[in-house]
Amino acid sequence: MTIHELEVNVLHPHAITPAKAVADLEVVALRHRAVRHPYLEALADGHLPDPSWALADFARQYQGYSSSFPRFLTAVISRLEKPAHRQALLANLMEESGQYDDGELALLENHGIASEWIVSVPHPELFHRFRLAVAGDDDDGEVALEVECWRETLLALLGQASGAEAVGMLGLGTEFIVPTIYQPFLRAIAHHGGLAPHDTVFFPLHTLVDDAHQLALRQIAIDFAATEGGRADLAKGMHKALALRDSFWSWLHERARSAPCAWPAESRTWHQARP
């Protein structure tokens, strides 16, 4: 089934169940260029003039987005009318602040993630830890215009959105794709070498335990998908968030391809990259 056919089914109020409508939107999201962007593969495989510089540049720039994620989540909560929906996302907000249940901690321990690395450490601080390790600086000064535009546009869209559209943006268009889009960064980190697991824990954490975030947002999305208008708003919000991320990846890709590099132009693998 093509992407167009999936979305036609999603928007038809009687063709499929709400759960199937959300599942089809998830398929559309995973096929979006924001998830399959050439920047992600180039960084993961080291097919850039200076992969180490590119990974450090990502760390510096993405921090401006990561640091605002609790604001995005709070904005979505403010758009929800049902107490059960708000309560579900308040639990997600607690996890963003570094609070986990025993089951999550046991899962993480089994994957080599020590609880003392993450408990009571807000997720933006975990990313900042990664930025310090890979970029070697702690400059929290002026944020790049492209980063500011991304986060401020997303915040503005969330603030004006219906509940369904807001869930489409932060659920289907963001949280649902996180385990997939962070895999290339895990590969890049592995190729980079010299980075301690304590310093890069942000990424495996989000690929291992974001199930709770996804399940909560998916169930809320299913509730909204019971109506034609809700389905349309979910799809609209999802596409808005994906388009913003696609634009950000393209900007980073262009920067990475024109990076200052001490190696010859043909040096395009991790083992040739500048230390």
C-alpha atoms as a PDB file:
ATOM      1  CA  MET A   1       0.000   0.000   0.000  1.00  0.00           C
ATOM      2  CA  THR A   2       1.340   3.435  -0.935  1.00  0.00           C
ATOM      3  CA  ILE A   3       1.706   6.356   1.472  1.00  0.00           C
ATOM      4  CA  HIS A   4      -1.163   8.117  -0.328  1.00  0.00           C
ATOM      5  CA  GLU A   5      -3.440   5.092   0.054  1.00  0.00           C
ATOM      6  CA  LEU A   6      -2.568   4.809   3.748  1.00  0.00           C
ATOM      7  CA  GLU A   7      -3.448   8.421   4.385  1.00  0.00           C
ATOM      8  CA  VAL A   8      -6.685   8.195   2.412  1.00  0.00           C
ATOM      9  CA  ASN A   9      -7.700   5.278   4.653  1.00  0.00           C
ATOM     10  CA  VAL A  10      -6.661   7.165   7.778  1.00  0.00           C
ATOM     11  CA  LEU A  11      -8.834  10.145   6.918  1.00  0.00           C
ATOM     12  CA  HIS A  12     -11.910   8.088   6.048  1.00  0.00           C
ATOM     13  CA  PRO A  13     -14.092   7.962   9.157  1.00  0.00           C
ATOM     14  CA  HIS A  14     -15.502   4.464   8.580  1.00  0.00           C
ATOM     15  CA  ALA A  15     -12.852   2.590   6.597  1.00  0.00           C
ATOM     16  CA  ILE A  16     -10.774   1.404   9.548  1.00  0.00           C
ATOM     17  CA  THR A  17     -10.722   1.375  13.319  1.00  0.00           C
ATOM     18  CA  PRO A  18      -9.074   4.194  15.301  1.00  0.00           C
ATOM     19  CA  ALA A  19      -6.208   1.883  16.274  1.00  0.00           C
ATOM     20  CA  LYS A  20      -5.599   0.939  12.626  1.00  0.00           C
ATOM     21  CA  ALA A  21      -5.750   4.608  11.614  1.00  0.00           C
ATOM     22  CA  VAL A  22      -3.003   5.441  14.118  1.00  0.00           C
ATOM     23  CA  ALA A  23      -0.953   2.404  13.063  1.00  0.00           C
ATOM     24  CA  ASP A  24      -1.158   3.543   9.436  1.00  0.00           C
ATOM     25  CA  LEU A  25      -0.023   7.041  10.395  1.00  0.00           C
ATOM     26  CA  GLU A  26       2.949   5.489  12.185  1.00  0.00           C
ATOM     27  CA  VAL A  27       3.885   3.713   8.957  1.00  0.00           C
ATOM     28  CA  VAL A  28       3.705   7.033   7.113  1.00  0.00           C
ATOM     29  CA  ALA A  29       5.909   8.644   9.759  1.00  0.00           C
ATOM     30  CA  LEU A  30       8.600   5.967   9.504  1.00  0.00           C
ATOM     31  CA  ARG A  31       8.713   6.387   5.712  1.00  0.00           C
ATOM     32  CA  HIS A  32       9.126  10.151   5.932  1.00  0.00           C
ATOM     33  CA  ARG A  33      12.371  11.754   4.799  1.00  0.00           C
ATOM     34  CA  ALA A  34      12.906  13.110   8.321  1.00  0.00           C
ATOM     35  CA  VAL A  35      13.385   9.503   9.462  1.00  0.00           C
ATOM     36  CA  ARG A  36      15.336   8.331   6.415  1.00  0.00           C
ATOM     37  CA  HIS A  37      17.300  11.521   5.845  1.00  0.00           C
ATOM     38  CA  PRO A  38      20.640  11.175   4.007  1.00  0.00           C
ATOM     39  CA  TYR A  39      22.283  13.131   6.822  1.00  0.00           C
ATOM     40  CA  LEU A  40      21.524  10.349   9.286  1.00  0.00           C
ATOM     41  CA  GLU A  41      23.090   7.662   7.127  1.00  0.00           C
ATOM     42  CA  ALA A  42      26.062   9.827   6.194  1.00  0.00           C
ATOM     43  CA  LEU A  43      26.812  10.534   9.835  1.00  0.00           C
ATOM     44  CA  ALA A  44      26.300   6.915  10.895  1.00  0.00           C
ATOM     45  CA  ASP A  45      28.623   5.587   8.166  1.00  0.00           C
ATOM     46  CA  GLY A  46      31.168   8.403   8.316  1.00  0.00           C
ATOM     47  CA  HIS A  47      30.576   9.461   4.713  1.00  0.00           C
ATOM     48  CA  LEU A  48      31.413  13.082   5.457  1.00  0.00           C
ATOM     49  CA  PRO A  49      34.588  15.180   5.126  1.00  0.00           C
ATOM     50  CA  ASP A  50      35.084  15.143   8.907  1.00  0.00           C
ATOM     51  CA  PRO A  51      32.689  12.811  10.786  1.00  0.00           C
ATOM     52  CA  SER A  52      34.058  13.773  14.209  1.00  0.00           C
ATOM     53  CA  TRP A  53      33.431  17.442  13.520  1.00  0.00           C
ATOM     54  CA  ALA A  54      29.938  16.606  12.271  1.00  0.00           C
ATOM     55  CA  LEU A  55      29.060  14.625  15.412  1.00  0.00           C
ATOM     56  CA  ALA A  56      30.312  17.466  17.624  1.00  0.00           C
ATOM     57  CA  ASP A  57      28.343  19.968  15.542  1.00  0.00           C
ATOM     58  CA  PHE A  58      25.198  17.887  15.964  1.00  0.00           C
ATOM     59  CA  ALA A  59      25.768  17.833  19.735  1.00  0.00           C
ATOM     60  CA  ARG A  60      26.146  21.605  19.902  1.00  0.00           C
ATOM     61  CA  GLN A  61      23.128  22.370  17.730  1.00  0.00           C
ATOM     62  CA  TYR A  62      20.692  19.701  18.922  1.00  0.00           C
ATOM     63  CA  GLN A  63      21.121  20.766  22.521  1.00  0.00           C
ATOM     64  CA  GLY A  64      19.059  23.855  21.730  1.00  0.00           C
ATOM     65  CA  TYR A  65      16.158  21.558  20.813  1.00  0.00           C
ATOM     66  CA  SER A  66      16.715  18.904  23.485  1.00  0.00           C
ATOM     67  CA  SER A  67      16.781  21.462  26.277  1.00  0.00           C
ATOM     68  CA  SER A  68      13.278  22.597  25.282  1.00  0.00           C
ATOM     69  CA  PHE A  69      11.622  19.186  25.161  1.00  0.00           C
ATOM     70  CA  PRO A  70       9.963  19.529  28.598  1.00  0.00           C
ATOM     71  CA  ARG A  71       8.403  22.760  27.309  1.00  0.00           C
ATOM     72  CA  PHE A  72       7.039  20.911  24.279  1.00  0.00           C
ATOM     73  CA  LEU A  73       5.537  18.221  26.487  1.00  0.00           C
ATOM     74  CA  THR A  74       4.017  20.810  28.815  1.00  0.00           C
ATOM     75  CA  ALA A  75       2.520  22.600  25.801  1.00  0.00           C
ATOM     76  CA  VAL A  76       0.834  19.376  24.657  1.00  0.00           C
ATOM     77  CA  ILE A  77      -0.555  18.749  28.148  1.00  0.00           C
ATOM     78  CA  SER A  78      -2.076  22.235  28.114  1.00  0.00           C
ATOM     79  CA  ARG A  79      -3.986  21.394  24.901  1.00  0.00           C
ATOM     80  CA  LEU A  80      -5.627  18.253  26.332  1.00  0.00           C
ATOM     81  CA  GLU A  81      -9.097  18.382  27.834  1.00  0.00           C
ATOM     82  CA  LYS A  82      -9.449  14.924  29.375  1.00  0.00           C
ATOM     83  CA  PRO A  83      -7.868  14.495  32.835  1.00  0.00           C
ATOM     84  CA  ALA A  84      -6.757  10.943  31.970  1.00  0.00           C
ATOM     85  CA  HIS A  85      -4.849  12.210  28.941  1.00  0.00           C
ATOM     86  CA  ARG A  86      -3.165  14.952  30.928  1.00  0.00           C
ATOM     87  CA  GLN A  87      -2.267  12.527  33.719  1.00  0.00           C
ATOM     88  CA  ALA A  88      -0.655  10.100  31.266  1.00  0.00           C
ATOM     89  CA  LEU A  89       1.610  12.788  29.887  1.00  0.00           C
ATOM     90  CA  LEU A  90       2.416  14.150  33.331  1.00  0.00           C
ATOM     91  CA  ALA A  91       3.937  10.715  34.018  1.00  0.00           C
ATOM     92  CA  ASN A  92       6.052  11.162  30.885  1.00  0.00           C
ATOM     93  CA  LEU A  93       7.109  14.569  32.143  1.00  0.00           C
ATOM     94  CA  MET A  94       8.277  12.976  35.397  1.00  0.00           C
ATOM     95  CA  GLU A  95      10.465  10.559  33.446  1.00  0.00           C
ATOM     96  CA  GLU A  96      11.939  13.502  31.545  1.00  0.00           C
ATOM     97  CA  SER A  97      13.072  14.796  34.939  1.00  0.00           C
ATOM     98  CA  GLY A  98      14.933  11.547  35.677  1.00  0.00           C
ATOM     99  CA  GLN A  99      12.312   9.470  37.514  1.00  0.00           C
ATOM    100  CA  TYR A 100      11.940   5.783  36.521  1.00  0.00           C
ATOM    101  CA  ASP A 101      10.072   2.790  37.867  1.00  0.00           C
ATOM    102  CA  ASP A 102      11.827  -0.370  39.042  1.00  0.00           C
ATOM    103  CA  GLY A 103      11.026  -2.252  35.840  1.00  0.00           C
ATOM    104  CA  GLU A 104      12.618   0.410  33.662  1.00  0.00           C
ATOM    105  CA  LEU A 105      15.719   0.554  35.857  1.00  0.00           C
ATOM    106  CA  ALA A 106      16.060  -3.240  35.720  1.00  0.00           C
ATOM    107  CA  LEU A 107      15.795  -3.186  31.920  1.00  0.00           C
ATOM    108  CA  LEU A 108      18.426  -0.485  31.684  1.00  0.00           C
ATOM    109  CA  GLU A 109      20.757  -2.285  34.087  1.00  0.00           C
ATOM    110  CA  ASN A 110      20.490  -5.372  31.855  1.00  0.00           C
ATOM    111  CA  HIS A 111      21.734  -3.231  28.972  1.00  0.00           C
ATOM    112  CA  GLY A 112      24.681  -1.848  30.912  1.00  0.00           C
ATOM    113  CA  ILE A 113      23.108   1.434  31.996  1.00  0.00           C
ATOM    114  CA  ALA A 114      23.740   2.066  35.680  1.00  0.00           C
ATOM    115  CA  SER A 115      20.913   3.709  37.567  1.00  0.00           C
ATOM    116  CA  GLU A 116      23.263   6.256  39.145  1.00  0.00           C
ATOM    117  CA  TRP A 117      23.985   7.647  35.685  1.00  0.00           C
ATOM    118  CA  ILE A 118      20.382   8.666  35.092  1.00  0.00           C
ATOM    119  CA  VAL A 119      18.228   8.750  38.235  1.00  0.00           C
ATOM    120  CA  SER A 120      17.201  12.316  39.120  1.00  0.00           C
ATOM    121  CA  VAL A 121      19.121  13.640  36.096  1.00  0.00           C
ATOM    122  CA  PRO A 122      16.787  15.488  33.682  1.00  0.00           C
ATOM    123  CA  HIS A 123      17.081  14.327  30.088  1.00  0.00           C
ATOM    124  CA  PRO A 124      18.322  17.722  28.841  1.00  0.00           C
ATOM    125  CA  GLU A 125      21.220  17.377  31.276  1.00  0.00           C
ATOM    126  CA  LEU A 126      21.977  13.912  29.901  1.00  0.00           C
ATOM    127  CA  PHE A 127      22.244  15.401  26.433  1.00  0.00           C
ATOM    128  CA  HIS A 128      24.402  18.215  27.771  1.00  0.00           C
ATOM    129  CA  ARG A 129      26.705  15.563  29.229  1.00  0.00           C
ATOM    130  CA  PHE A 130      27.022  14.043  25.751  1.00  0.00           C
ATOM    131  CA  ARG A 131      27.699  17.449  24.238  1.00  0.00           C
ATOM    132  CA  LEU A 132      30.534  18.061  26.718  1.00  0.00           C
ATOM    133  CA  ALA A 133      32.077  14.674  25.934  1.00  0.00           C
ATOM    134  CA  VAL A 134      31.929  14.864  22.156  1.00  0.00           C
ATOM    135  CA  ALA A 135      32.352  18.601  21.563  1.00  0.00           C
ATOM    136  CA  GLY A 136      34.650  19.372  24.468  1.00  0.00           C
ATOM    137  CA  ASP A 137      33.048  22.680  25.333  1.00  0.00           C
ATOM    138  CA  ASP A 138      30.387  24.098  27.602  1.00  0.00           C
ATOM    139  CA  ASP A 139      29.315  27.137  25.624  1.00  0.00           C
ATOM    140  CA  ASP A 140      25.637  27.740  26.252  1.00  0.00           C
ATOM    141  CA  GLY A 141      25.690  31.119  24.562  1.00  0.00           C
ATOM    142  CA  GLU A 142      23.828  32.210  21.450  1.00  0.00           C
ATOM    143  CA  VAL A 143      21.701  29.536  19.793  1.00  0.00           C
ATOM    144  CA  ALA A 144      21.917  29.209  16.010  1.00  0.00           C
ATOM    145  CA  LEU A 145      19.030  30.866  14.187  1.00  0.00           C
ATOM    146  CA  GLU A 146      18.001  27.578  12.559  1.00  0.00           C
ATOM    147  CA  VAL A 147      17.743  25.871  15.950  1.00  0.00           C
ATOM    148  CA  GLU A 148      15.819  28.766  17.449  1.00  0.00           C
ATOM    149  CA  CYS A 149      13.419  28.778  14.503  1.00  0.00           C
ATOM    150  CA  TRP A 150      12.799  25.038  14.888  1.00  0.00           C
ATOM    151  CA  ARG A 151      12.008  25.089  18.596  1.00  0.00           C
ATOM    152  CA  GLU A 152      10.099  28.385  18.587  1.00  0.00           C
ATOM    153  CA  THR A 153       8.031  27.350  15.570  1.00  0.00           C
ATOM    154  CA  LEU A 154       7.199  24.024  17.202  1.00  0.00           C
ATOM    155  CA  LEU A 155       6.246  25.742  20.448  1.00  0.00           C
ATOM    156  CA  ALA A 156       4.059  28.224  18.586  1.00  0.00           C
ATOM    157  CA  LEU A 157       2.352  25.454  16.619  1.00  0.00           C
ATOM    158  CA  LEU A 158       1.717  23.449  19.784  1.00  0.00           C
ATOM    159  CA  GLY A 159       0.286  26.492  21.521  1.00  0.00           C
ATOM    160  CA  GLN A 160      -2.258  27.029  18.741  1.00  0.00           C
ATOM    161  CA  ALA A 161      -3.065  23.389  18.015  1.00  0.00           C
ATOM    162  CA  SER A 162      -6.077  21.301  18.859  1.00  0.00           C
ATOM    163  CA  GLY A 163      -5.398  18.452  21.242  1.00  0.00           C
ATOM    164  CA  ALA A 164      -5.275  15.965  18.364  1.00  0.00           C
ATOM    165  CA  GLU A 165      -2.898  18.092  16.322  1.00  0.00           C
ATOM    166  CA  ALA A 166      -0.591  18.581  19.315  1.00  0.00           C
ATOM    167  CA  VAL A 167      -0.501  14.814  19.908  1.00  0.00           C
ATOM    168  CA  GLY A 168       0.202  14.323  16.216  1.00  0.00           C
ATOM    169  CA  MET A 169       3.185  16.651  16.495  1.00  0.00           C
ATOM    170  CA  LEU A 170       4.795  15.361  19.665  1.00  0.00           C
ATOM    171  CA  GLY A 171       3.512  11.798  19.524  1.00  0.00           C
ATOM    172  CA  LEU A 172       3.374  10.471  15.970  1.00  0.00           C
ATOM    173  CA  GLY A 173       5.760  13.065  14.564  1.00  0.00           C
ATOM    174  CA  THR A 174       8.323  13.014  17.380  1.00  0.00           C
ATOM    175  CA  GLU A 175       8.264  10.444  20.189  1.00  0.00           C
ATOM    176  CA  PHE A 176       7.234   7.568  17.946  1.00  0.00           C
ATOM    177  CA  ILE A 177      10.210   8.051  15.600  1.00  0.00           C
ATOM    178  CA  VAL A 178      12.846   8.635  18.306  1.00  0.00           C
ATOM    179  CA  PRO A 179      14.026   5.001  18.649  1.00  0.00           C
ATOM    180  CA  THR A 180      14.547   4.877  14.873  1.00  0.00           C
ATOM    181  CA  ILE A 181      16.221   8.228  14.303  1.00  0.00           C
ATOM    182  CA  TYR A 182      18.594   7.809  17.253  1.00  0.00           C
ATOM    183  CA  GLN A 183      19.999   4.530  15.897  1.00  0.00           C
ATOM    184  CA  PRO A 184      22.296   6.316  13.394  1.00  0.00           C
ATOM    185  CA  PHE A 185      23.718   8.403  16.238  1.00  0.00           C
ATOM    186  CA  LEU A 186      24.466   5.260  18.221  1.00  0.00           C
ATOM    187  CA  ARG A 187      26.361   3.949  15.188  1.00  0.00           C
ATOM    188  CA  ALA A 188      28.235   7.235  14.834  1.00  0.00           C
ATOM    189  CA  ILE A 189      29.159   7.174  18.531  1.00  0.00           C
ATOM    190  CA  ALA A 190      30.439   3.609  18.202  1.00  0.00           C
ATOM    191  CA  HIS A 191      32.598   4.577  15.208  1.00  0.00           C
ATOM    192  CA  HIS A 192      33.850   7.699  16.952  1.00  0.00           C
ATOM    193  CA  GLY A 193      35.349   5.775  19.862  1.00  0.00           C
ATOM    194  CA  GLY A 194      36.724   7.170  23.095  1.00  0.00           C
ATOM    195  CA  LEU A 195      33.318   8.111  24.512  1.00  0.00           C
ATOM    196  CA  ALA A 196      32.328   6.554  27.844  1.00  0.00           C
ATOM    197  CA  PRO A 197      28.875   4.900  28.112  1.00  0.00           C
ATOM    198  CA  HIS A 198      28.136   7.240  31.026  1.00  0.00           C
ATOM    199  CA  ASP A 199      28.520  10.190  28.660  1.00  0.00           C
ATOM    200  CA  THR A 200      26.436   8.811  25.797  1.00  0.00           C
ATOM    201  CA  VAL A 201      23.621   7.271  27.854  1.00  0.00           C
ATOM    202  CA  PHE A 202      21.059   9.734  26.435  1.00  0.00           C
ATOM    203  CA  PHE A 203      20.761   7.689  23.238  1.00  0.00           C
ATOM    204  CA  PRO A 204      20.396   4.096  24.486  1.00  0.00           C
ATOM    205  CA  LEU A 205      18.071   5.406  27.197  1.00  0.00           C
ATOM    206  CA  HIS A 206      15.728   6.815  24.557  1.00  0.00           C
ATOM    207  CA  THR A 207      15.865   3.729  22.376  1.00  0.00           C
ATOM    208  CA  LEU A 208      15.218   1.338  25.277  1.00  0.00           C
ATOM    209  CA  VAL A 209      12.624   2.921  27.563  1.00  0.00           C
ATOM    210  CA  ASP A 210      10.697   5.355  25.402  1.00  0.00           C
ATOM    211  CA  ASP A 211       8.008   2.665  25.116  1.00  0.00           C
ATOM    212  CA  ALA A 212       6.119   4.248  28.007  1.00  0.00           C
ATOM    213  CA  HIS A 213       6.112   7.629  26.252  1.00  0.00           C
ATOM    214  CA  GLN A 214       5.004   6.063  23.000  1.00  0.00           C
ATOM    215  CA  LEU A 215       2.274   3.933  24.566  1.00  0.00           C
ATOM    216  CA  ALA A 216       0.748   6.890  26.381  1.00  0.00           C
ATOM    217  CA  LEU A 217       0.787   9.120  23.317  1.00  0.00           C
ATOM    218  CA  ARG A 218      -0.423   6.289  21.058  1.00  0.00           C
ATOM    219  CA  GLN A 219      -3.434   5.604  23.268  1.00  0.00           C
ATOM    220  CA  ILE A 220      -4.317   9.291  23.326  1.00  0.00           C
ATOM    221  CA  ALA A 221      -3.936   9.382  19.537  1.00  0.00           C
ATOM    222  CA  ILE A 222      -6.273   6.378  19.217  1.00  0.00           C
ATOM    223  CA  ASP A 223      -8.866   8.191  21.300  1.00  0.00           C
ATOM    224  CA  PHE A 224      -8.656  11.210  18.994  1.00  0.00           C
ATOM    225  CA  ALA A 225      -8.756   8.980  15.899  1.00  0.00           C
ATOM    226  CA  ALA A 226     -12.346   8.015  16.673  1.00  0.00           C
ATOM    227  CA  THR A 227     -13.537  11.003  14.609  1.00  0.00           C
ATOM    228  CA  GLU A 228     -12.761  12.188  11.095  1.00  0.00           C
ATOM    229  CA  GLY A 229     -11.642  15.574  12.390  1.00  0.00           C
ATOM    230  CA  GLY A 230      -9.395  13.969  14.972  1.00  0.00           C
ATOM    231  CA  ARG A 231      -7.696  11.813  12.346  1.00  0.00           C
ATOM    232  CA  ALA A 232      -7.147  14.791  10.102  1.00  0.00           C
ATOM    233  CA  ASP A 233      -5.620  16.806  12.937  1.00  0.00           C
ATOM    234  CA  LEU A 234      -3.351  13.926  13.979  1.00  0.00           C
ATOM    235  CA  ALA A 235      -2.039  13.654  10.421  1.00  0.00           C
ATOM    236  CA  LYS A 236      -1.612  17.414  10.089  1.00  0.00           C
ATOM    237  CA  GLY A 237       0.317  17.712  13.337  1.00  0.00           C
ATOM    238  CA  MET A 238       2.515  14.739  12.496  1.00  0.00           C
ATOM    239  CA  HIS A 239       3.494  16.171   9.118  1.00  0.00           C
ATOM    240  CA  LYS A 240       4.272  19.577  10.610  1.00  0.00           C
ATOM    241  CA  ALA A 241       6.695  18.094  13.149  1.00  0.00           C
ATOM    242  CA  LEU A 242       8.340  15.847  10.570  1.00  0.00           C
ATOM    243  CA  ALA A 243       8.781  18.711   8.126  1.00  0.00           C
ATOM    244  CA  LEU A 244      10.498  20.837  10.781  1.00  0.00           C
ATOM    245  CA  ARG A 245      12.894  18.012  11.649  1.00  0.00           C
ATOM    246  CA  ASP A 246      13.594  17.300   7.980  1.00  0.00           C
ATOM    247  CA  SER A 247      14.598  20.930   7.511  1.00  0.00           C
ATOM    248  CA  PHE A 248      16.891  20.780  10.534  1.00  0.00           C
ATOM    249  CA  TRP A 249      18.629  17.616   9.285  1.00  0.00           C
ATOM    250  CA  SER A 250      19.137  19.248   5.888  1.00  0.00           C
ATOM    251  CA  TRP A 251      20.780  22.250   7.523  1.00  0.00           C
ATOM    252  CA  LEU A 252      23.098  20.037   9.573  1.00  0.00           C
ATOM    253  CA  HIS A 253      23.899  17.962   6.479  1.00  0.00           C
ATOM    254  CA  GLU A 254      24.950  21.026   4.529  1.00  0.00           C
ATOM    255  CA  ARG A 255      27.136  22.180   7.414  1.00  0.00           C
ATOM    256  CA  ALA A 256      28.718  18.725   7.695  1.00  0.00           C
ATOM    257  CA  ARG A 257      29.459  18.539   3.967  1.00  0.00           C
ATOM    258  CA  SER A 258      31.220  21.910   4.020  1.00  0.00           C
ATOM    259  CA  ALA A 259      32.955  21.443   7.389  1.00  0.00           C
ATOM    260  CA  PRO A 260      36.483  22.777   7.931  1.00  0.00           C
ATOM    261  CA  CYS A 261      38.625  19.675   7.580  1.00  0.00           C
ATOM    262  CA  ALA A 262      42.342  19.036   7.909  1.00  0.00           C
ATOM    263  CA  TRP A 263      42.076  15.873   5.803  1.00  0.00           C
ATOM    264  CA  PRO A 264      41.998  15.645   2.003  1.00  0.00           C
ATOM    265  CA  ALA A 265      38.591  15.829   0.356  1.00  0.00           C
ATOM    266  CA  GLU A 266      38.595  12.094  -0.325  1.00  0.00           C
ATOM    267  CA  SER A 267      38.783  11.312   3.410  1.00  0.00           C
ATOM    268  CA  ARG A 268      35.228  10.177   4.009  1.00  0.00           C
ATOM    269  CA  THR A 269      35.316   7.416   6.619  1.00  0.00           C
ATOM    270  CA  TRP A 270      35.509   7.347  10.390  1.00  0.00           C
ATOM    271  CA  HIS A 271      38.967   5.768  10.508  1.00  0.00           C
ATOM    272  CA  GLN A 272      40.312   8.628   8.390  1.00  0.00           C
ATOM    273  CA  ALA A 273      38.543  11.374  10.302  1.00  0.00           C
ATOM    274  CA  ARG A 274      40.410  13.862  12.379  1.00  0.00           C
ATOM    275  CA  PRO A 275      40.763  12.698  16.009  1.00  0.00           C
END
